[in-house]
Amino acid sequence: MLAHNRIAVLHGVNLDQLGRRDPAIYGDLDYDRLTQRIGEFASELELAAQFFQTNFEGDLVEHLHRVHDIADGIIINPGAWTHYSYAIRDALEIAALPTVEVHLSDIQNREEFRRTSVIGDICLTTVSGQGVDGYRPALEALRDHLATAAN
């Protein structure tokens, strides 16, 4: 395992409803299968993924306040909070860990309000529109950043 390999994979509002949401947009995996696949990707990349999901914005903020104790980097899919939660943005800044933003759907080709991310500019990169497979390049980007920062 890599020295800096602890990745907090954070999922926001409504991600626990995968499998019930429009599969043409979000795919057909439920949340448990999503986390299983991400865990497999992480393991292949010698990363240790820890998962957190909540439908309560304050819970995600509180988790971000503590995440530096358990993780070296963050993968975050805030769900709809992406578009307006400055509280989550501020908490990400406080966490001060390298972060990659992920979205299952292609938010740039959806409704106008979904095209804005209030966290995108403080993240290393954003991966969007690749479904569950988008988590792999997100994890790769974070792994590469952590390896470079460690040297």
N, C-alpha and C. Protein backbone atom coordinates (compact mmCIF):
# COMPACT_ATOMS: atom_id res chain seq x y z
N MET A 1 0.83 -1.19 0.00
CA MET A 1 0.00 0.00 0.00
C MET A 1 0.87 1.25 0.00
N LEU A 2 0.37 2.29 -0.61
CA LEU A 2 1.05 3.57 -0.65
C LEU A 2 1.00 4.24 0.72
N ALA A 3 1.97 5.10 1.00
CA ALA A 3 2.02 5.77 2.30
C ALA A 3 0.85 6.72 2.51
N HIS A 4 0.47 7.45 1.49
CA HIS A 4 -0.65 8.40 1.59
C HIS A 4 -1.79 7.86 0.74
N ASN A 5 -2.52 6.90 1.31
CA ASN A 5 -3.50 6.18 0.50
C ASN A 5 -4.92 6.22 1.04
N ARG A 6 -5.18 6.97 2.08
CA ARG A 6 -6.51 6.97 2.70
C ARG A 6 -7.40 7.99 1.98
N ILE A 7 -8.46 7.47 1.35
CA ILE A 7 -9.34 8.32 0.57
C ILE A 7 -10.74 8.30 1.17
N ALA A 8 -11.23 9.47 1.52
CA ALA A 8 -12.61 9.62 1.96
C ALA A 8 -13.47 9.83 0.72
N VAL A 9 -14.40 8.92 0.49
CA VAL A 9 -15.33 9.02 -0.63
C VAL A 9 -16.66 9.49 -0.04
N LEU A 10 -17.01 10.74 -0.35
CA LEU A 10 -18.16 11.38 0.28
C LEU A 10 -19.28 11.57 -0.74
N HIS A 11 -20.46 11.12 -0.36
CA HIS A 11 -21.63 11.24 -1.22
C HIS A 11 -22.70 12.03 -0.50
N GLY A 12 -23.27 12.97 -1.23
CA GLY A 12 -24.28 13.84 -0.65
C GLY A 12 -25.70 13.41 -0.93
N VAL A 13 -26.53 14.40 -0.92
CA VAL A 13 -27.98 14.24 -0.95
C VAL A 13 -28.47 13.39 -2.13
N ASN A 14 -29.34 12.46 -1.82
CA ASN A 14 -30.04 11.58 -2.76
C ASN A 14 -29.19 10.50 -3.40
N LEU A 15 -27.90 10.45 -3.11
CA LEU A 15 -27.08 9.38 -3.70
C LEU A 15 -27.49 8.02 -3.15
N ASP A 16 -28.08 7.99 -1.95
CA ASP A 16 -28.56 6.73 -1.40
C ASP A 16 -29.79 6.22 -2.15
N GLN A 17 -30.32 7.02 -3.05
CA GLN A 17 -31.52 6.64 -3.82
C GLN A 17 -31.19 6.11 -5.21
N LEU A 18 -29.90 5.91 -5.48
CA LEU A 18 -29.54 5.31 -6.77
C LEU A 18 -30.25 3.97 -6.91
N GLY A 19 -30.64 3.66 -8.12
CA GLY A 19 -31.45 2.48 -8.37
C GLY A 19 -32.93 2.84 -8.45
N ARG A 20 -33.32 3.92 -7.79
CA ARG A 20 -34.68 4.43 -7.86
C ARG A 20 -34.76 5.65 -8.78
N ARG A 21 -33.62 6.29 -9.00
CA ARG A 21 -33.58 7.50 -9.84
C ARG A 21 -33.48 7.09 -11.30
N ASP A 22 -33.71 7.99 -12.20
CA ASP A 22 -33.73 7.73 -13.64
C ASP A 22 -32.44 7.05 -14.09
N PRO A 23 -32.53 5.76 -14.48
CA PRO A 23 -31.32 5.04 -14.88
C PRO A 23 -30.68 5.58 -16.16
N ALA A 24 -31.45 6.27 -16.99
CA ALA A 24 -30.86 6.87 -18.20
C ALA A 24 -29.88 7.98 -17.84
N ILE A 25 -30.07 8.59 -16.68
CA ILE A 25 -29.18 9.66 -16.23
C ILE A 25 -28.15 9.14 -15.24
N TYR A 26 -28.59 8.30 -14.29
CA TYR A 26 -27.73 7.92 -13.18
C TYR A 26 -27.21 6.48 -13.23
N GLY A 27 -27.62 5.72 -14.24
CA GLY A 27 -27.22 4.32 -14.30
C GLY A 27 -28.14 3.46 -13.46
N ASP A 28 -27.87 2.16 -13.48
CA ASP A 28 -28.77 1.24 -12.81
C ASP A 28 -28.22 0.65 -11.52
N LEU A 29 -27.04 1.11 -11.09
CA LEU A 29 -26.48 0.60 -9.84
C LEU A 29 -27.16 1.25 -8.64
N ASP A 30 -27.38 0.46 -7.59
CA ASP A 30 -27.83 1.06 -6.35
C ASP A 30 -26.60 1.54 -5.56
N TYR A 31 -26.83 2.21 -4.45
CA TYR A 31 -25.73 2.81 -3.71
C TYR A 31 -24.74 1.76 -3.20
N ASP A 32 -25.25 0.63 -2.71
CA ASP A 32 -24.34 -0.40 -2.21
C ASP A 32 -23.42 -0.92 -3.31
N ARG A 33 -23.97 -1.14 -4.49
CA ARG A 33 -23.15 -1.61 -5.61
C ARG A 33 -22.18 -0.52 -6.07
N LEU A 34 -22.61 0.74 -6.04
CA LEU A 34 -21.72 1.85 -6.38
C LEU A 34 -20.50 1.84 -5.47
N THR A 35 -20.73 1.76 -4.16
CA THR A 35 -19.60 1.78 -3.24
C THR A 35 -18.72 0.54 -3.40
N GLN A 36 -19.33 -0.58 -3.70
CA GLN A 36 -18.54 -1.80 -3.95
C GLN A 36 -17.61 -1.60 -5.14
N ARG A 37 -18.13 -1.06 -6.23
CA ARG A 37 -17.31 -0.82 -7.43
C ARG A 37 -16.19 0.18 -7.15
N ILE A 38 -16.52 1.27 -6.44
CA ILE A 38 -15.49 2.25 -6.10
C ILE A 38 -14.42 1.61 -5.23
N GLY A 39 -14.85 0.80 -4.28
CA GLY A 39 -13.90 0.09 -3.43
C GLY A 39 -12.98 -0.82 -4.23
N GLU A 40 -13.51 -1.47 -5.24
CA GLU A 40 -12.69 -2.31 -6.12
C GLU A 40 -11.67 -1.48 -6.88
N PHE A 41 -12.12 -0.34 -7.43
CA PHE A 41 -11.18 0.55 -8.13
C PHE A 41 -10.07 0.99 -7.18
N ALA A 42 -10.45 1.40 -5.98
CA ALA A 42 -9.48 1.89 -5.00
C ALA A 42 -8.47 0.79 -4.66
N SER A 43 -8.95 -0.39 -4.42
CA SER A 43 -8.06 -1.50 -4.09
C SER A 43 -7.06 -1.78 -5.21
N GLU A 44 -7.53 -1.76 -6.44
CA GLU A 44 -6.65 -1.97 -7.60
C GLU A 44 -5.57 -0.90 -7.66
N LEU A 45 -5.87 0.30 -7.18
CA LEU A 45 -4.93 1.42 -7.21
C LEU A 45 -4.14 1.57 -5.90
N GLU A 46 -4.27 0.57 -5.03
CA GLU A 46 -3.60 0.56 -3.72
C GLU A 46 -4.02 1.73 -2.85
N LEU A 47 -5.31 2.04 -2.91
CA LEU A 47 -5.89 3.08 -2.08
C LEU A 47 -6.90 2.45 -1.13
N ALA A 48 -7.03 3.03 0.04
CA ALA A 48 -7.99 2.56 1.04
C ALA A 48 -9.15 3.54 1.08
N ALA A 49 -10.29 3.13 0.55
CA ALA A 49 -11.47 3.99 0.47
C ALA A 49 -12.34 3.83 1.71
N GLN A 50 -12.80 4.96 2.23
CA GLN A 50 -13.75 5.01 3.33
C GLN A 50 -14.96 5.78 2.81
N PHE A 51 -16.15 5.28 3.08
CA PHE A 51 -17.35 5.86 2.49
C PHE A 51 -18.21 6.57 3.53
N PHE A 52 -18.82 7.66 3.08
CA PHE A 52 -19.77 8.41 3.91
C PHE A 52 -20.83 8.96 2.98
N GLN A 53 -22.10 8.82 3.37
CA GLN A 53 -23.21 9.37 2.61
C GLN A 53 -24.21 9.95 3.59
N THR A 54 -24.76 11.10 3.25
CA THR A 54 -25.79 11.70 4.07
C THR A 54 -26.72 12.54 3.21
N ASN A 55 -27.93 12.68 3.70
CA ASN A 55 -28.91 13.57 3.08
C ASN A 55 -29.06 14.86 3.88
N PHE A 56 -28.16 15.05 4.86
CA PHE A 56 -28.22 16.23 5.73
C PHE A 56 -26.95 17.04 5.56
N GLU A 57 -27.10 18.23 5.03
CA GLU A 57 -25.96 19.08 4.70
C GLU A 57 -25.04 19.30 5.90
N GLY A 58 -25.60 19.55 7.06
CA GLY A 58 -24.80 19.77 8.26
C GLY A 58 -23.96 18.56 8.63
N ASP A 59 -24.50 17.36 8.40
CA ASP A 59 -23.72 16.14 8.67
C ASP A 59 -22.50 16.05 7.76
N LEU A 60 -22.66 16.44 6.50
CA LEU A 60 -21.52 16.43 5.58
C LEU A 60 -20.50 17.48 6.00
N VAL A 61 -20.95 18.64 6.39
CA VAL A 61 -20.05 19.68 6.88
C VAL A 61 -19.29 19.19 8.10
N GLU A 62 -19.99 18.60 9.06
CA GLU A 62 -19.33 18.07 10.28
C GLU A 62 -18.31 16.99 9.93
N HIS A 63 -18.66 16.13 8.99
CA HIS A 63 -17.72 15.08 8.57
C HIS A 63 -16.47 15.71 7.95
N LEU A 64 -16.66 16.72 7.12
CA LEU A 64 -15.51 17.41 6.52
C LEU A 64 -14.64 18.08 7.58
N HIS A 65 -15.23 18.52 8.67
CA HIS A 65 -14.45 19.13 9.74
C HIS A 65 -13.52 18.12 10.41
N ARG A 66 -13.87 16.84 10.35
CA ARG A 66 -13.07 15.79 10.99
C ARG A 66 -12.26 14.94 10.01
N VAL A 67 -12.45 15.13 8.73
CA VAL A 67 -11.90 14.20 7.74
C VAL A 67 -10.37 14.17 7.72
N HIS A 68 -9.71 15.26 8.10
CA HIS A 68 -8.25 15.28 8.07
C HIS A 68 -7.64 14.24 9.01
N ASP A 69 -8.41 13.77 10.01
CA ASP A 69 -7.91 12.74 10.92
C ASP A 69 -7.96 11.34 10.32
N ILE A 70 -8.74 11.16 9.28
CA ILE A 70 -8.94 9.80 8.75
C ILE A 70 -8.58 9.64 7.28
N ALA A 71 -8.22 10.74 6.61
CA ALA A 71 -8.00 10.65 5.16
C ALA A 71 -6.85 11.54 4.71
N ASP A 72 -6.28 11.16 3.57
CA ASP A 72 -5.23 11.95 2.93
C ASP A 72 -5.77 12.74 1.74
N GLY A 73 -6.93 12.34 1.24
CA GLY A 73 -7.56 13.00 0.11
C GLY A 73 -9.05 12.69 0.09
N ILE A 74 -9.77 13.44 -0.73
CA ILE A 74 -11.23 13.34 -0.78
C ILE A 74 -11.71 13.18 -2.22
N ILE A 75 -12.65 12.26 -2.40
CA ILE A 75 -13.47 12.20 -3.61
C ILE A 75 -14.86 12.61 -3.14
N ILE A 76 -15.45 13.61 -3.79
CA ILE A 76 -16.77 14.08 -3.34
C ILE A 76 -17.75 14.18 -4.50
N ASN A 77 -18.93 13.63 -4.28
CA ASN A 77 -20.09 13.85 -5.14
C ASN A 77 -21.17 14.42 -4.24
N PRO A 78 -21.28 15.74 -4.18
CA PRO A 78 -22.23 16.35 -3.26
C PRO A 78 -23.69 16.27 -3.71
N GLY A 79 -23.95 15.71 -4.89
CA GLY A 79 -25.32 15.71 -5.39
C GLY A 79 -25.74 17.15 -5.68
N ALA A 80 -26.99 17.46 -5.42
CA ALA A 80 -27.52 18.80 -5.72
C ALA A 80 -26.82 19.91 -4.94
N TRP A 81 -26.18 19.57 -3.82
CA TRP A 81 -25.45 20.60 -3.06
C TRP A 81 -24.31 21.20 -3.88
N THR A 82 -23.87 20.50 -4.90
CA THR A 82 -22.83 20.99 -5.79
C THR A 82 -23.12 22.40 -6.27
N HIS A 83 -24.37 22.68 -6.52
CA HIS A 83 -24.77 23.87 -7.23
C HIS A 83 -25.01 25.10 -6.35
N TYR A 84 -25.05 24.89 -5.03
CA TYR A 84 -25.37 26.05 -4.19
C TYR A 84 -24.82 26.02 -2.77
N SER A 85 -24.18 24.95 -2.34
CA SER A 85 -23.80 24.88 -0.92
C SER A 85 -22.43 25.49 -0.66
N TYR A 86 -22.46 26.75 -0.28
CA TYR A 86 -21.22 27.41 0.12
C TYR A 86 -20.75 26.91 1.48
N ALA A 87 -21.65 26.33 2.26
CA ALA A 87 -21.24 25.71 3.53
C ALA A 87 -20.33 24.52 3.26
N ILE A 88 -20.67 23.71 2.28
CA ILE A 88 -19.82 22.56 1.93
C ILE A 88 -18.52 23.06 1.31
N ARG A 89 -18.59 24.07 0.49
CA ARG A 89 -17.37 24.66 -0.07
C ARG A 89 -16.43 25.12 1.05
N ASP A 90 -16.98 25.88 2.00
CA ASP A 90 -16.17 26.36 3.12
C ASP A 90 -15.57 25.20 3.92
N ALA A 91 -16.37 24.16 4.15
CA ALA A 91 -15.88 23.00 4.90
C ALA A 91 -14.77 22.28 4.13
N LEU A 92 -14.87 22.22 2.81
CA LEU A 92 -13.78 21.64 2.00
C LEU A 92 -12.51 22.46 2.14
N GLU A 93 -12.65 23.77 2.15
CA GLU A 93 -11.48 24.63 2.34
C GLU A 93 -10.87 24.42 3.72
N ILE A 94 -11.71 24.28 4.73
CA ILE A 94 -11.21 24.02 6.08
C ILE A 94 -10.52 22.66 6.14
N ALA A 95 -11.08 21.65 5.49
CA ALA A 95 -10.46 20.32 5.48
C ALA A 95 -9.06 20.37 4.88
N ALA A 96 -8.87 21.21 3.88
CA ALA A 96 -7.56 21.46 3.28
C ALA A 96 -6.88 20.19 2.79
N LEU A 97 -7.67 19.27 2.23
CA LEU A 97 -7.12 18.06 1.63
C LEU A 97 -7.36 18.11 0.13
N PRO A 98 -6.47 17.50 -0.65
CA PRO A 98 -6.72 17.45 -2.09
C PRO A 98 -8.03 16.73 -2.37
N THR A 99 -8.82 17.32 -3.26
CA THR A 99 -10.17 16.84 -3.51
C THR A 99 -10.44 16.75 -5.00
N VAL A 100 -11.16 15.69 -5.38
CA VAL A 100 -11.65 15.53 -6.74
C VAL A 100 -13.17 15.46 -6.68
N GLU A 101 -13.82 16.25 -7.51
CA GLU A 101 -15.28 16.30 -7.61
C GLU A 101 -15.71 15.28 -8.67
N VAL A 102 -16.75 14.50 -8.35
CA VAL A 102 -17.27 13.49 -9.28
C VAL A 102 -18.78 13.63 -9.40
N HIS A 103 -19.27 13.44 -10.62
CA HIS A 103 -20.71 13.38 -10.88
C HIS A 103 -20.99 12.22 -11.82
N LEU A 104 -22.00 11.43 -11.50
CA LEU A 104 -22.37 10.31 -12.36
C LEU A 104 -22.86 10.79 -13.72
N SER A 105 -23.67 11.85 -13.71
CA SER A 105 -24.21 12.38 -14.96
C SER A 105 -23.32 13.51 -15.47
N ASP A 106 -23.52 13.88 -16.72
CA ASP A 106 -22.77 14.97 -17.33
C ASP A 106 -23.49 16.28 -17.00
N ILE A 107 -23.06 16.91 -15.91
CA ILE A 107 -23.78 18.09 -15.43
C ILE A 107 -23.71 19.26 -16.40
N GLN A 108 -22.73 19.27 -17.28
CA GLN A 108 -22.63 20.37 -18.26
C GLN A 108 -23.64 20.24 -19.39
N ASN A 109 -24.25 19.08 -19.52
CA ASN A 109 -25.26 18.88 -20.57
C ASN A 109 -26.63 18.57 -19.99
N ARG A 110 -26.90 19.14 -18.83
CA ARG A 110 -28.20 18.97 -18.19
C ARG A 110 -28.84 20.35 -18.00
N GLU A 111 -29.77 20.46 -17.09
CA GLU A 111 -30.44 21.71 -16.84
C GLU A 111 -29.42 22.80 -16.51
N GLU A 112 -29.79 24.03 -16.83
CA GLU A 112 -28.88 25.17 -16.63
C GLU A 112 -28.35 25.25 -15.20
N PHE A 113 -29.22 25.06 -14.21
CA PHE A 113 -28.78 25.20 -12.82
C PHE A 113 -27.74 24.16 -12.42
N ARG A 114 -27.72 23.01 -13.09
CA ARG A 114 -26.75 21.96 -12.76
C ARG A 114 -25.37 22.23 -13.34
N ARG A 115 -25.25 23.21 -14.18
CA ARG A 115 -23.96 23.49 -14.84
C ARG A 115 -23.02 24.29 -13.97
N THR A 116 -23.51 24.76 -12.84
CA THR A 116 -22.68 25.54 -11.91
C THR A 116 -22.25 24.64 -10.76
N SER A 117 -20.96 24.65 -10.48
CA SER A 117 -20.42 23.97 -9.30
C SER A 117 -19.74 25.01 -8.43
N VAL A 118 -20.18 25.12 -7.19
CA VAL A 118 -19.56 26.08 -6.29
C VAL A 118 -18.29 25.52 -5.66
N ILE A 119 -17.98 24.24 -5.93
CA ILE A 119 -16.75 23.64 -5.38
C ILE A 119 -15.70 23.34 -6.44
N GLY A 120 -16.07 23.38 -7.70
CA GLY A 120 -15.17 22.96 -8.77
C GLY A 120 -13.82 23.65 -8.78
N ASP A 121 -13.81 24.94 -8.49
CA ASP A 121 -12.55 25.68 -8.58
C ASP A 121 -11.60 25.41 -7.41
N ILE A 122 -12.06 24.74 -6.36
CA ILE A 122 -11.15 24.39 -5.26
C ILE A 122 -10.77 22.91 -5.29
N CYS A 123 -11.23 22.21 -6.32
CA CYS A 123 -10.89 20.79 -6.50
C CYS A 123 -9.76 20.64 -7.51
N LEU A 124 -9.04 19.55 -7.42
CA LEU A 124 -7.97 19.26 -8.38
C LEU A 124 -8.53 19.15 -9.79
N THR A 125 -9.66 18.47 -9.90
CA THR A 125 -10.32 18.26 -11.18
C THR A 125 -11.75 17.82 -10.92
N THR A 126 -12.54 17.79 -11.97
CA THR A 126 -13.91 17.28 -11.92
C THR A 126 -14.06 16.20 -12.97
N VAL A 127 -14.65 15.08 -12.57
CA VAL A 127 -14.97 14.00 -13.50
C VAL A 127 -16.49 13.90 -13.54
N SER A 128 -17.05 14.01 -14.75
CA SER A 128 -18.49 14.09 -14.89
C SER A 128 -18.96 13.30 -16.10
N GLY A 129 -20.09 12.62 -15.94
CA GLY A 129 -20.73 11.97 -17.09
C GLY A 129 -20.21 10.60 -17.44
N GLN A 130 -19.45 9.98 -16.56
CA GLN A 130 -18.91 8.65 -16.85
C GLN A 130 -19.54 7.56 -15.99
N GLY A 131 -20.60 7.91 -15.27
CA GLY A 131 -21.23 6.94 -14.39
C GLY A 131 -20.24 6.49 -13.32
N VAL A 132 -20.42 5.27 -12.85
CA VAL A 132 -19.53 4.74 -11.81
C VAL A 132 -18.09 4.66 -12.29
N ASP A 133 -17.89 4.47 -13.59
CA ASP A 133 -16.53 4.36 -14.12
C ASP A 133 -15.74 5.66 -13.94
N GLY A 134 -16.42 6.78 -13.76
CA GLY A 134 -15.73 8.04 -13.53
C GLY A 134 -14.98 8.10 -12.22
N TYR A 135 -15.32 7.24 -11.30
CA TYR A 135 -14.60 7.23 -10.03
C TYR A 135 -13.18 6.72 -10.19
N ARG A 136 -12.94 5.88 -11.18
CA ARG A 136 -11.58 5.37 -11.38
C ARG A 136 -10.61 6.49 -11.77
N PRO A 137 -10.88 7.29 -12.83
CA PRO A 137 -9.95 8.38 -13.12
C PRO A 137 -9.87 9.41 -11.99
N ALA A 138 -10.95 9.56 -11.23
CA ALA A 138 -10.90 10.47 -10.08
C ALA A 138 -9.92 9.94 -9.05
N LEU A 139 -10.00 8.66 -8.75
CA LEU A 139 -9.08 8.04 -7.80
C LEU A 139 -7.64 8.08 -8.33
N GLU A 140 -7.47 7.86 -9.63
CA GLU A 140 -6.13 7.93 -10.23
C GLU A 140 -5.54 9.33 -10.08
N ALA A 141 -6.36 10.35 -10.34
CA ALA A 141 -5.88 11.73 -10.22
C ALA A 141 -5.46 12.03 -8.79
N LEU A 142 -6.25 11.57 -7.84
CA LEU A 142 -5.93 11.80 -6.43
C LEU A 142 -4.68 11.02 -6.03
N ARG A 143 -4.59 9.77 -6.44
CA ARG A 143 -3.40 8.95 -6.15
C ARG A 143 -2.14 9.62 -6.69
N ASP A 144 -2.19 10.08 -7.94
CA ASP A 144 -1.03 10.71 -8.56
C ASP A 144 -0.66 12.00 -7.84
N HIS A 145 -1.65 12.78 -7.47
CA HIS A 145 -1.39 14.02 -6.74
C HIS A 145 -0.74 13.72 -5.38
N LEU A 146 -1.28 12.75 -4.67
CA LEU A 146 -0.72 12.41 -3.35
C LEU A 146 0.71 11.88 -3.47
N ALA A 147 0.98 11.09 -4.51
CA ALA A 147 2.33 10.55 -4.70
C ALA A 147 3.31 11.68 -5.01
N THR A 148 2.90 12.63 -5.84
CA THR A 148 3.76 13.76 -6.18
C THR A 148 4.00 14.65 -4.97
N ALA A 149 2.96 14.89 -4.19
CA ALA A 149 3.08 15.74 -3.00
C ALA A 149 3.97 15.12 -1.94
N ALA A 150 4.02 13.78 -1.92
CA ALA A 150 4.83 13.08 -0.91
C ALA A 150 6.32 13.14 -1.24
N ASN A 151 6.64 13.43 -2.48
CA ASN A 151 8.07 13.46 -2.89
C ASN A 151 8.66 14.84 -2.79
